[in-house]
Amino acid sequence: MGGSLLVFTDLDGTLLDADYGFAEAAPALAEIRRRGIPLIPCSSKTRDEVERLRRRLGLADPFIVENGAACCIPEGWRGIPLAEGRREGGCRVIRCGVAYERLRRFLAGPGRALGARGFGDAGVAEIARRTGLPAEEAALARRREASEPFWFEGPERSAELAAAAAARRGLAVTRGGRFYHLLGAGVDKGAAVRRLVALIAPHLPAPLHTIGLGDGENDLPLLAAVDRPVLLPRPEGGFVPCDLPGLLRERQGGARGWNAAVLRLLAALDAGPAGPRL
C-alpha cells in the first residue's frame, strides 16, 4: 500500500467490549503499532475519558471526543505545524460544538418537560450504575464540555419530540449505545473526521486512505466520511440500518470483530486492486 492510512474508531461496543476491555483486539493493535499507522479514537466519551484510554492503549495520535464536539491533536504530532485551536493539556483542541451550559438549559426546560434526564442531573453513583463504569471513571464521564448524554423516564416517543424541540433551538439529538446525546446542530463524528483530515492530510504522504469502524447510529456519519467503512453488530445483536457504498459488515462484535476487520482490511490494502475483495 502506498501513501498514508488513518484508522478512525468508535470505542464502546467497537474497539471496547461491554466490560471496557480490548484484549481480543491485541493482534490488530500490535500490527497497527508496528506499521506506525495513526489510530484515532472517535467517541462520545469526554476528553478526560479518552485521554485515560489512550494511555491504556498506548496511543499518541489525535482523537475526537463527545460525538465530534472537539478534535484534539497532540502538540508536535508528526512534526505537523498547527495554529488552529487552543493549547490545552499538551494538545491543540479544536472545538466544533456549542457551550455545555446551553445544552443544560435545554434539558432543564423542554427536555425536562419530556421526561429527559442527563448526566448533569445525575450524581456519579447513578452514572456508574447506568454505564457500568467504576466511580472514578464515571466522574470523568460526567465532566462534559460540549455534549450531554441523556435518557427518558417516560415514553420512548419523547425522543422524537425532543429532537424536534432541539432542532428549533439550533441543537441536535443522536443516539449512541446506551444513551441519547444532545449536541450543537451540525456536530457529529463525520464532520469532525473531515475537519481533522483536512488539517493533517496535506502533511502526510499521498494518497491518503481512511478506515472507520463503528456500531451505533451516532457512528454512521463517521462511516460516511471514510473510504472504507466497517459496521460492527450492536452488543445486543443485529446492525443499525446503513447502506453506504463499500460497507463491510463484520460478523462479530466488539474487540474480536474489530480485530478481524482491521487485519482483513490491512491485508486487502497491502494486496492492492488485485487483492482479495472485502
C-alpha atoms as a PDB file:
ATOM      1  CA  MET A   1       0.000   0.000   0.000  1.00  0.00           C
ATOM      2  CA  GLY A   2       1.395   3.377  -0.986  1.00  0.00           C
ATOM      3  CA  GLY A   3       0.599   6.684   0.654  1.00  0.00           C
ATOM      4  CA  SER A   4      -0.811   7.038   4.173  1.00  0.00           C
ATOM      5  CA  LEU A   5      -3.513   5.352   6.215  1.00  0.00           C
ATOM      6  CA  LEU A   6      -5.612   6.722   9.070  1.00  0.00           C
ATOM      7  CA  VAL A   7      -7.843   4.430  11.157  1.00  0.00           C
ATOM      8  CA  PHE A   8     -10.777   6.098  12.932  1.00  0.00           C
ATOM      9  CA  THR A   9     -12.607   4.034  15.506  1.00  0.00           C
ATOM     10  CA  ASP A  10     -15.528   4.232  17.867  1.00  0.00           C
ATOM     11  CA  LEU A  11     -14.758   2.843  21.318  1.00  0.00           C
ATOM     12  CA  ASP A  12     -17.717   1.394  23.257  1.00  0.00           C
ATOM     13  CA  GLY A  13     -19.086  -1.683  21.507  1.00  0.00           C
ATOM     14  CA  THR A  14     -16.446  -1.446  18.791  1.00  0.00           C
ATOM     15  CA  LEU A  15     -12.834  -1.495  19.972  1.00  0.00           C
ATOM     16  CA  LEU A  16     -14.014  -1.972  23.561  1.00  0.00           C
ATOM     17  CA  ASP A  17     -16.144  -4.851  24.793  1.00  0.00           C
ATOM     18  CA  ALA A  18     -19.088  -4.443  27.168  1.00  0.00           C
ATOM     19  CA  ASP A  19     -16.672  -4.667  30.123  1.00  0.00           C
ATOM     20  CA  TYR A  20     -14.492  -1.944  28.507  1.00  0.00           C
ATOM     21  CA  GLY A  21     -11.730  -4.467  27.785  1.00  0.00           C
ATOM     22  CA  PHE A  22      -9.896  -4.827  24.464  1.00  0.00           C
ATOM     23  CA  ALA A  23      -7.728  -7.940  24.915  1.00  0.00           C
ATOM     24  CA  GLU A  24      -9.121  -9.617  21.799  1.00  0.00           C
ATOM     25  CA  ALA A  25      -8.056  -6.657  19.665  1.00  0.00           C
ATOM     26  CA  ALA A  26      -4.402  -7.124  20.673  1.00  0.00           C
ATOM     27  CA  PRO A  27      -3.153  -8.649  17.367  1.00  0.00           C
ATOM     28  CA  ALA A  28      -4.569  -5.814  15.229  1.00  0.00           C
ATOM     29  CA  LEU A  29      -3.421  -3.179  17.726  1.00  0.00           C
ATOM     30  CA  ALA A  30       0.091  -4.627  17.600  1.00  0.00           C
ATOM     31  CA  GLU A  31       0.082  -4.614  13.792  1.00  0.00           C
ATOM     32  CA  ILE A  32      -1.118  -1.012  13.664  1.00  0.00           C
ATOM     33  CA  ARG A  33       1.634  -0.070  16.103  1.00  0.00           C
ATOM     34  CA  ARG A  34       4.257  -1.985  14.114  1.00  0.00           C
ATOM     35  CA  ARG A  35       3.300  -0.167  10.922  1.00  0.00           C
ATOM     36  CA  GLY A  36       3.116   3.235  12.579  1.00  0.00           C
ATOM     37  CA  ILE A  37      -0.490   3.755  11.469  1.00  0.00           C
ATOM     38  CA  PRO A  38      -2.346   6.508  13.351  1.00  0.00           C
ATOM     39  CA  LEU A  39      -5.259   5.043  15.323  1.00  0.00           C
ATOM     40  CA  ILE A  40      -7.702   7.863  16.039  1.00  0.00           C
ATOM     41  CA  PRO A  41     -10.451   7.259  18.626  1.00  0.00           C
ATOM     42  CA  CYS A  42     -13.720   8.920  17.658  1.00  0.00           C
ATOM     43  CA  SER A  43     -16.012   8.605  20.635  1.00  0.00           C
ATOM     44  CA  SER A  44     -18.907  10.048  22.590  1.00  0.00           C
ATOM     45  CA  LYS A  45     -16.629   9.914  25.629  1.00  0.00           C
ATOM     46  CA  THR A  46     -15.155  13.027  27.210  1.00  0.00           C
ATOM     47  CA  ARG A  47     -11.608  14.259  26.684  1.00  0.00           C
ATOM     48  CA  ASP A  48     -10.625  13.057  30.159  1.00  0.00           C
ATOM     49  CA  GLU A  49     -12.025   9.596  29.469  1.00  0.00           C
ATOM     50  CA  VAL A  50     -10.307   9.249  26.110  1.00  0.00           C
ATOM     51  CA  GLU A  51      -7.012  10.523  27.487  1.00  0.00           C
ATOM     52  CA  ARG A  52      -7.091   7.743  30.066  1.00  0.00           C
ATOM     53  CA  LEU A  53      -7.997   5.121  27.448  1.00  0.00           C
ATOM     54  CA  ARG A  54      -5.234   6.329  25.138  1.00  0.00           C
ATOM     55  CA  ARG A  55      -2.744   5.655  27.911  1.00  0.00           C
ATOM     56  CA  ARG A  56      -4.140   2.145  28.396  1.00  0.00           C
ATOM     57  CA  LEU A  57      -3.980   1.522  24.642  1.00  0.00           C
ATOM     58  CA  GLY A  58      -0.536   3.062  24.258  1.00  0.00           C
ATOM     59  CA  LEU A  59      -1.759   5.658  21.725  1.00  0.00           C
ATOM     60  CA  ALA A  60      -0.207   9.040  20.988  1.00  0.00           C
ATOM     61  CA  ASP A  61      -2.322  10.042  17.983  1.00  0.00           C
ATOM     62  CA  PRO A  62      -5.106  12.638  17.588  1.00  0.00           C
ATOM     63  CA  PHE A  63      -8.562  11.866  18.928  1.00  0.00           C
ATOM     64  CA  ILE A  64     -12.152  13.078  18.612  1.00  0.00           C
ATOM     65  CA  VAL A  65     -14.410  13.386  21.637  1.00  0.00           C
ATOM     66  CA  GLU A  66     -18.048  13.945  22.598  1.00  0.00           C
ATOM     67  CA  ASN A  67     -19.503  12.774  19.269  1.00  0.00           C
ATOM     68  CA  GLY A  68     -17.406  15.231  17.257  1.00  0.00           C
ATOM     69  CA  ALA A  69     -17.669  18.243  19.568  1.00  0.00           C
ATOM     70  CA  ALA A  70     -13.864  18.583  19.660  1.00  0.00           C
ATOM     71  CA  CYS A  71     -10.787  17.382  17.772  1.00  0.00           C
ATOM     72  CA  CYS A  72      -7.621  17.014  19.842  1.00  0.00           C
ATOM     73  CA  ILE A  73      -4.178  16.887  18.213  1.00  0.00           C
ATOM     74  CA  PRO A  74      -1.112  16.328  20.420  1.00  0.00           C
ATOM     75  CA  GLU A  75       1.367  19.197  20.214  1.00  0.00           C
ATOM     76  CA  GLY A  76       4.139  18.414  17.731  1.00  0.00           C
ATOM     77  CA  TRP A  77       2.390  15.288  16.422  1.00  0.00           C
ATOM     78  CA  ARG A  78       4.455  14.038  13.477  1.00  0.00           C
ATOM     79  CA  GLY A  79       6.037  17.456  13.227  1.00  0.00           C
ATOM     80  CA  ILE A  80       2.873  18.968  11.754  1.00  0.00           C
ATOM     81  CA  PRO A  81       2.664  22.724  12.405  1.00  0.00           C
ATOM     82  CA  LEU A  82      -0.783  23.707  13.640  1.00  0.00           C
ATOM     83  CA  ALA A  83      -2.073  27.133  14.535  1.00  0.00           C
ATOM     84  CA  GLU A  84      -5.753  26.222  14.765  1.00  0.00           C
ATOM     85  CA  GLY A  85      -7.378  25.584  18.135  1.00  0.00           C
ATOM     86  CA  ARG A  86      -6.276  26.303  21.684  1.00  0.00           C
ATOM     87  CA  ARG A  87      -3.370  24.766  23.565  1.00  0.00           C
ATOM     88  CA  GLU A  88      -4.825  22.670  26.378  1.00  0.00           C
ATOM     89  CA  GLY A  89      -3.086  19.884  28.266  1.00  0.00           C
ATOM     90  CA  GLY A  90      -0.450  19.176  25.622  1.00  0.00           C
ATOM     91  CA  CYS A  91      -2.929  19.225  22.731  1.00  0.00           C
ATOM     92  CA  ARG A  92      -4.346  21.582  20.190  1.00  0.00           C
ATOM     93  CA  VAL A  93      -8.076  21.412  20.913  1.00  0.00           C
ATOM     94  CA  ILE A  94     -10.373  22.456  18.073  1.00  0.00           C
ATOM     95  CA  ARG A  95     -13.912  22.871  19.349  1.00  0.00           C
ATOM     96  CA  CYS A  96     -16.791  22.239  16.974  1.00  0.00           C
ATOM     97  CA  GLY A  97     -19.701  22.225  19.404  1.00  0.00           C
ATOM     98  CA  VAL A  98     -21.760  24.625  21.490  1.00  0.00           C
ATOM     99  CA  ALA A  99     -21.242  25.550  25.129  1.00  0.00           C
ATOM    100  CA  TYR A 100     -22.274  22.879  27.598  1.00  0.00           C
ATOM    101  CA  GLU A 101     -24.351  25.413  29.536  1.00  0.00           C
ATOM    102  CA  ARG A 102     -26.591  25.880  26.502  1.00  0.00           C
ATOM    103  CA  LEU A 103     -27.277  22.139  26.363  1.00  0.00           C
ATOM    104  CA  ARG A 104     -28.071  22.063  30.051  1.00  0.00           C
ATOM    105  CA  ARG A 105     -30.568  24.907  29.639  1.00  0.00           C
ATOM    106  CA  PHE A 106     -32.410  22.878  27.032  1.00  0.00           C
ATOM    107  CA  LEU A 107     -32.561  19.799  29.257  1.00  0.00           C
ATOM    108  CA  ALA A 108     -33.685  21.888  32.219  1.00  0.00           C
ATOM    109  CA  GLY A 109     -36.561  23.321  30.153  1.00  0.00           C
ATOM    110  CA  PRO A 110     -38.060  21.469  27.139  1.00  0.00           C
ATOM    111  CA  GLY A 111     -36.105  18.323  27.922  1.00  0.00           C
ATOM    112  CA  ARG A 112     -37.377  18.024  31.468  1.00  0.00           C
ATOM    113  CA  ALA A 113     -40.948  18.574  30.279  1.00  0.00           C
ATOM    114  CA  LEU A 114     -40.493  15.493  28.060  1.00  0.00           C
ATOM    115  CA  GLY A 115     -39.061  13.362  30.855  1.00  0.00           C
ATOM    116  CA  ALA A 116     -35.397  13.668  29.840  1.00  0.00           C
ATOM    117  CA  ARG A 117     -32.560  13.465  32.370  1.00  0.00           C
ATOM    118  CA  GLY A 118     -28.906  13.993  31.543  1.00  0.00           C
ATOM    119  CA  PHE A 119     -25.557  13.341  33.144  1.00  0.00           C
ATOM    120  CA  GLY A 120     -25.728  16.844  34.633  1.00  0.00           C
ATOM    121  CA  ASP A 121     -28.878  15.796  36.529  1.00  0.00           C
ATOM    122  CA  ALA A 122     -27.297  12.638  37.936  1.00  0.00           C
ATOM    123  CA  GLY A 123     -24.624  12.019  40.532  1.00  0.00           C
ATOM    124  CA  VAL A 124     -21.520   9.937  39.983  1.00  0.00           C
ATOM    125  CA  ALA A 125     -23.104   6.877  41.624  1.00  0.00           C
ATOM    126  CA  GLU A 126     -26.060   6.892  39.218  1.00  0.00           C
ATOM    127  CA  ILE A 127     -23.824   7.359  36.168  1.00  0.00           C
ATOM    128  CA  ALA A 128     -21.648   4.477  37.374  1.00  0.00           C
ATOM    129  CA  ARG A 129     -24.744   2.293  37.717  1.00  0.00           C
ATOM    130  CA  ARG A 130     -26.091   3.215  34.282  1.00  0.00           C
ATOM    131  CA  THR A 131     -22.765   2.801  32.467  1.00  0.00           C
ATOM    132  CA  GLY A 132     -21.060   0.015  34.404  1.00  0.00           C
ATOM    133  CA  LEU A 133     -18.033   2.273  34.916  1.00  0.00           C
ATOM    134  CA  PRO A 134     -16.081   2.459  38.173  1.00  0.00           C
ATOM    135  CA  ALA A 135     -16.921   5.599  40.151  1.00  0.00           C
ATOM    136  CA  GLU A 136     -13.623   7.293  39.255  1.00  0.00           C
ATOM    137  CA  GLU A 137     -14.289   6.851  35.528  1.00  0.00           C
ATOM    138  CA  ALA A 138     -17.950   7.793  35.908  1.00  0.00           C
ATOM    139  CA  ALA A 139     -16.751  11.109  37.345  1.00  0.00           C
ATOM    140  CA  LEU A 140     -14.694  11.647  34.167  1.00  0.00           C
ATOM    141  CA  ALA A 141     -17.730  10.794  32.026  1.00  0.00           C
ATOM    142  CA  ARG A 142     -19.733  13.480  33.835  1.00  0.00           C
ATOM    143  CA  ARG A 143     -17.126  16.155  33.039  1.00  0.00           C
ATOM    144  CA  ARG A 144     -18.725  17.297  29.753  1.00  0.00           C
ATOM    145  CA  GLU A 145     -17.665  20.231  27.557  1.00  0.00           C
ATOM    146  CA  ALA A 146     -19.991  20.317  24.543  1.00  0.00           C
ATOM    147  CA  SER A 147     -22.381  17.352  24.600  1.00  0.00           C
ATOM    148  CA  GLU A 148     -24.800  15.783  27.065  1.00  0.00           C
ATOM    149  CA  PRO A 149     -25.821  12.116  27.249  1.00  0.00           C
ATOM    150  CA  PHE A 150     -29.412  11.721  28.395  1.00  0.00           C
ATOM    151  CA  TRP A 151     -32.253   9.231  28.732  1.00  0.00           C
ATOM    152  CA  PHE A 152     -36.021   9.329  29.146  1.00  0.00           C
ATOM    153  CA  GLU A 153     -38.007   8.481  32.212  1.00  0.00           C
ATOM    154  CA  GLY A 154     -41.168   8.193  30.202  1.00  0.00           C
ATOM    155  CA  PRO A 155     -42.436   7.059  26.787  1.00  0.00           C
ATOM    156  CA  GLU A 156     -39.779   6.415  24.145  1.00  0.00           C
ATOM    157  CA  ARG A 157     -41.659   8.559  21.611  1.00  0.00           C
ATOM    158  CA  SER A 158     -40.421  11.516  23.655  1.00  0.00           C
ATOM    159  CA  ALA A 159     -37.176  11.134  21.684  1.00  0.00           C
ATOM    160  CA  GLU A 160     -38.883  12.346  18.501  1.00  0.00           C
ATOM    161  CA  LEU A 161     -40.379  15.317  20.301  1.00  0.00           C
ATOM    162  CA  ALA A 162     -37.049  16.153  21.940  1.00  0.00           C
ATOM    163  CA  ALA A 163     -35.235  16.009  18.597  1.00  0.00           C
ATOM    164  CA  ALA A 164     -37.784  18.380  17.054  1.00  0.00           C
ATOM    165  CA  ALA A 165     -37.593  20.787  20.001  1.00  0.00           C
ATOM    166  CA  ALA A 166     -33.795  20.698  19.887  1.00  0.00           C
ATOM    167  CA  ALA A 167     -33.722  21.423  16.154  1.00  0.00           C
ATOM    168  CA  ARG A 168     -35.874  24.514  16.661  1.00  0.00           C
ATOM    169  CA  ARG A 169     -33.161  25.790  19.019  1.00  0.00           C
ATOM    170  CA  GLY A 170     -30.144  25.042  16.836  1.00  0.00           C
ATOM    171  CA  LEU A 171     -29.362  21.784  18.603  1.00  0.00           C
ATOM    172  CA  ALA A 172     -29.448  18.127  17.570  1.00  0.00           C
ATOM    173  CA  VAL A 173     -30.088  14.703  19.097  1.00  0.00           C
ATOM    174  CA  THR A 174     -28.319  11.486  18.154  1.00  0.00           C
ATOM    175  CA  ARG A 175     -28.361   8.035  19.698  1.00  0.00           C
ATOM    176  CA  GLY A 176     -25.413   6.015  20.953  1.00  0.00           C
ATOM    177  CA  GLY A 177     -25.233   2.598  22.548  1.00  0.00           C
ATOM    178  CA  ARG A 178     -26.751   3.367  25.955  1.00  0.00           C
ATOM    179  CA  PHE A 179     -27.929   6.967  25.707  1.00  0.00           C
ATOM    180  CA  TYR A 180     -29.234   9.737  23.515  1.00  0.00           C
ATOM    181  CA  HIS A 181     -26.821  12.636  23.068  1.00  0.00           C
ATOM    182  CA  LEU A 182     -27.591  16.344  22.808  1.00  0.00           C
ATOM    183  CA  LEU A 183     -25.213  18.360  20.600  1.00  0.00           C
ATOM    184  CA  GLY A 184     -24.990  21.531  18.603  1.00  0.00           C
ATOM    185  CA  ALA A 185     -26.623  21.389  15.163  1.00  0.00           C
ATOM    186  CA  GLY A 186     -24.201  20.107  12.522  1.00  0.00           C
ATOM    187  CA  VAL A 187     -21.945  18.478  15.094  1.00  0.00           C
ATOM    188  CA  ASP A 188     -21.274  14.790  14.500  1.00  0.00           C
ATOM    189  CA  LYS A 189     -18.410  12.348  14.203  1.00  0.00           C
ATOM    190  CA  GLY A 190     -18.273  12.622  10.419  1.00  0.00           C
ATOM    191  CA  ALA A 191     -17.896  16.402  10.419  1.00  0.00           C
ATOM    192  CA  ALA A 192     -15.066  16.096  12.940  1.00  0.00           C
ATOM    193  CA  VAL A 193     -13.332  13.396  10.882  1.00  0.00           C
ATOM    194  CA  ARG A 194     -13.467  15.568   7.764  1.00  0.00           C
ATOM    195  CA  ARG A 195     -12.131  18.558   9.666  1.00  0.00           C
ATOM    196  CA  LEU A 196      -9.271  16.588  11.163  1.00  0.00           C
ATOM    197  CA  VAL A 197      -8.369  15.031   7.800  1.00  0.00           C
ATOM    198  CA  ALA A 198      -8.365  18.468   6.158  1.00  0.00           C
ATOM    199  CA  LEU A 199      -5.891  19.694   8.775  1.00  0.00           C
ATOM    200  CA  ILE A 200      -3.397  16.839   8.672  1.00  0.00           C
ATOM    201  CA  ALA A 201      -3.712  15.302   5.175  1.00  0.00           C
ATOM    202  CA  PRO A 202      -1.581  17.995   3.462  1.00  0.00           C
ATOM    203  CA  HIS A 203       1.333  16.954   5.704  1.00  0.00           C
ATOM    204  CA  LEU A 204       1.079  13.195   5.040  1.00  0.00           C
ATOM    205  CA  PRO A 205       2.280  11.176   2.014  1.00  0.00           C
ATOM    206  CA  ALA A 206      -0.408  10.850  -0.664  1.00  0.00           C
ATOM    207  CA  PRO A 207      -2.643   9.131  -1.445  1.00  0.00           C
ATOM    208  CA  LEU A 208      -4.461   9.114   1.875  1.00  0.00           C
ATOM    209  CA  HIS A 209      -6.574   6.078   2.774  1.00  0.00           C
ATOM    210  CA  THR A 210      -9.084   6.136   5.633  1.00  0.00           C
ATOM    211  CA  ILE A 211     -10.785   3.329   7.549  1.00  0.00           C
ATOM    212  CA  GLY A 212     -13.634   3.868  10.005  1.00  0.00           C
ATOM    213  CA  LEU A 213     -15.204   1.384  12.415  1.00  0.00           C
ATOM    214  CA  GLY A 214     -18.364   1.757  14.488  1.00  0.00           C
ATOM    215  CA  ASP A 215     -21.514   0.032  15.642  1.00  0.00           C
ATOM    216  CA  GLY A 216     -24.077   2.703  16.536  1.00  0.00           C
ATOM    217  CA  GLU A 217     -26.402   5.234  14.989  1.00  0.00           C
ATOM    218  CA  ASN A 218     -24.050   8.017  16.077  1.00  0.00           C
ATOM    219  CA  ASP A 219     -21.228   6.287  14.151  1.00  0.00           C
ATOM    220  CA  LEU A 220     -22.973   6.486  10.766  1.00  0.00           C
ATOM    221  CA  PRO A 221     -21.589   9.977   9.955  1.00  0.00           C
ATOM    222  CA  LEU A 222     -18.112   8.657  10.784  1.00  0.00           C
ATOM    223  CA  LEU A 223     -18.564   5.732   8.412  1.00  0.00           C
ATOM    224  CA  ALA A 224     -19.824   8.050   5.669  1.00  0.00           C
ATOM    225  CA  ALA A 225     -16.682  10.196   5.987  1.00  0.00           C
ATOM    226  CA  VAL A 226     -14.102   7.442   5.297  1.00  0.00           C
ATOM    227  CA  ASP A 227     -13.022   5.388   2.278  1.00  0.00           C
ATOM    228  CA  ARG A 228     -13.536   2.001   3.892  1.00  0.00           C
ATOM    229  CA  PRO A 229     -16.403   1.909   6.397  1.00  0.00           C
ATOM    230  CA  VAL A 230     -16.837  -1.044   8.745  1.00  0.00           C
ATOM    231  CA  LEU A 231     -20.072  -1.641  10.649  1.00  0.00           C
ATOM    232  CA  LEU A 232     -19.989  -3.985  13.630  1.00  0.00           C
ATOM    233  CA  PRO A 233     -23.105  -5.575  15.161  1.00  0.00           C
ATOM    234  CA  ARG A 234     -24.587  -3.993  18.271  1.00  0.00           C
ATOM    235  CA  PRO A 235     -23.853  -5.697  21.598  1.00  0.00           C
ATOM    236  CA  GLU A 236     -27.498  -6.806  21.749  1.00  0.00           C
ATOM    237  CA  GLY A 237     -27.227  -8.224  18.203  1.00  0.00           C
ATOM    238  CA  GLY A 238     -28.083  -7.001  14.720  1.00  0.00           C
ATOM    239  CA  PHE A 239     -26.860  -3.974  12.787  1.00  0.00           C
ATOM    240  CA  VAL A 240     -28.106  -0.402  12.735  1.00  0.00           C
ATOM    241  CA  PRO A 241     -29.577   0.356   9.277  1.00  0.00           C
ATOM    242  CA  CYS A 242     -26.781   1.503   6.956  1.00  0.00           C
ATOM    243  CA  ASP A 243     -26.403   1.384   3.183  1.00  0.00           C
ATOM    244  CA  LEU A 244     -23.073   3.019   2.365  1.00  0.00           C
ATOM    245  CA  PRO A 245     -21.058   2.130  -0.758  1.00  0.00           C
ATOM    246  CA  GLY A 246     -18.300  -0.335   0.038  1.00  0.00           C
ATOM    247  CA  LEU A 247     -19.608  -1.015   3.548  1.00  0.00           C
ATOM    248  CA  LEU A 248     -18.064  -4.027   5.274  1.00  0.00           C
ATOM    249  CA  ARG A 249     -20.362  -5.681   7.816  1.00  0.00           C
ATOM    250  CA  GLU A 250     -18.264  -7.566  10.313  1.00  0.00           C
ATOM    251  CA  ARG A 251     -19.968 -10.690  11.624  1.00  0.00           C
ATOM    252  CA  GLN A 252     -18.512 -10.473  15.129  1.00  0.00           C
ATOM    253  CA  GLY A 253     -18.923  -7.567  17.504  1.00  0.00           C
ATOM    254  CA  GLY A 254     -16.686  -5.803  19.989  1.00  0.00           C
ATOM    255  CA  ALA A 255     -12.938  -6.218  20.211  1.00  0.00           C
ATOM    256  CA  ARG A 256     -12.941  -9.596  18.436  1.00  0.00           C
ATOM    257  CA  GLY A 257     -14.806  -8.245  15.429  1.00  0.00           C
ATOM    258  CA  TRP A 258     -12.687  -5.072  15.418  1.00  0.00           C
ATOM    259  CA  ASN A 259      -9.540  -7.191  15.354  1.00  0.00           C
ATOM    260  CA  ALA A 260     -10.772  -9.355  12.474  1.00  0.00           C
ATOM    261  CA  ALA A 261     -11.954  -6.400  10.392  1.00  0.00           C
ATOM    262  CA  VAL A 262      -8.754  -4.365  10.819  1.00  0.00           C
ATOM    263  CA  LEU A 263      -6.483  -7.290   9.928  1.00  0.00           C
ATOM    264  CA  ARG A 264      -8.636  -8.108   6.890  1.00  0.00           C
ATOM    265  CA  LEU A 265      -8.568  -4.510   5.668  1.00  0.00           C
ATOM    266  CA  LEU A 266      -4.813  -4.184   6.128  1.00  0.00           C
ATOM    267  CA  ALA A 267      -4.289  -7.366   4.103  1.00  0.00           C
ATOM    268  CA  ALA A 268      -6.588  -6.083   1.362  1.00  0.00           C
ATOM    269  CA  LEU A 269      -4.786  -2.724   1.208  1.00  0.00           C
ATOM    270  CA  ASP A 270      -1.427  -4.495   1.046  1.00  0.00           C
ATOM    271  CA  ALA A 271      -2.644  -6.598  -1.866  1.00  0.00           C
ATOM    272  CA  GLY A 272      -3.855  -3.541  -3.815  1.00  0.00           C
ATOM    273  CA  PRO A 273      -6.540  -3.627  -6.522  1.00  0.00           C
ATOM    274  CA  ALA A 274      -5.710  -7.234  -7.356  1.00  0.00           C
ATOM    275  CA  GLY A 275      -6.096  -8.314  -3.750  1.00  0.00           C
ATOM    276  CA  PRO A 276      -8.999 -10.067  -2.027  1.00  0.00           C
ATOM    277  CA  ARG A 277     -12.410  -8.456  -2.280  1.00  0.00           C
ATOM    278  CA  LEU A 278     -13.968  -7.383   1.017  1.00  0.00           C
END
